[in-house]
Amino acid sequence: MTLADYEAVIRLWETTEGVGLGESDTRPAIESYLARNPGLSFVACVEGKIVGAALCGHDGRRGYLHHLAVAGSHRGRGLGKRLVAACLAGLCRLGIPKCNLFLFAANAAGETFWRHNGWLDRHDLRVMQKAVGQPE
């Protein structure tokens, strides 16, 4: 994935159920993310059109997969699995031993995909979040 793919990728993410977008998905934010994590995010193209995308990066210890999406018209062909494999291979080359992802609790189709591909729930962890700059 490169910044030149942004418009097509954001359209794909916007139209894919289970993908939530926010302030971290603006063009400048994605440009910064790709620059910090070169060669880890990928698109899938069919006849010159982007039909799949996966945003991937790491913090030096763990990898993170964000916004895996495949157009409904191209699902069931292994594109999502190949995108994930490319992301994981990139993390492996960098010596990152594990990868995490965030999944909306109501995203049953996403949960089915991830479980089918060997991803496991962590029942011992909970995600918490705070906007940076909020008062204590």
Foldseek 3Di string as FASTA:
>chain_A
DALVCLVLLVVQLVPFPFADDDPCNDSVNVNVQCVQAPQQKDFDDDPRHTFWIWRWHDDLAEIEIHRTGGHPVPPPPCPSVVRVVSNVVSCVVVVHDYYDYDTPPPCPVVVVVCVVVPDDDDPPDDDDDDDPPDDD
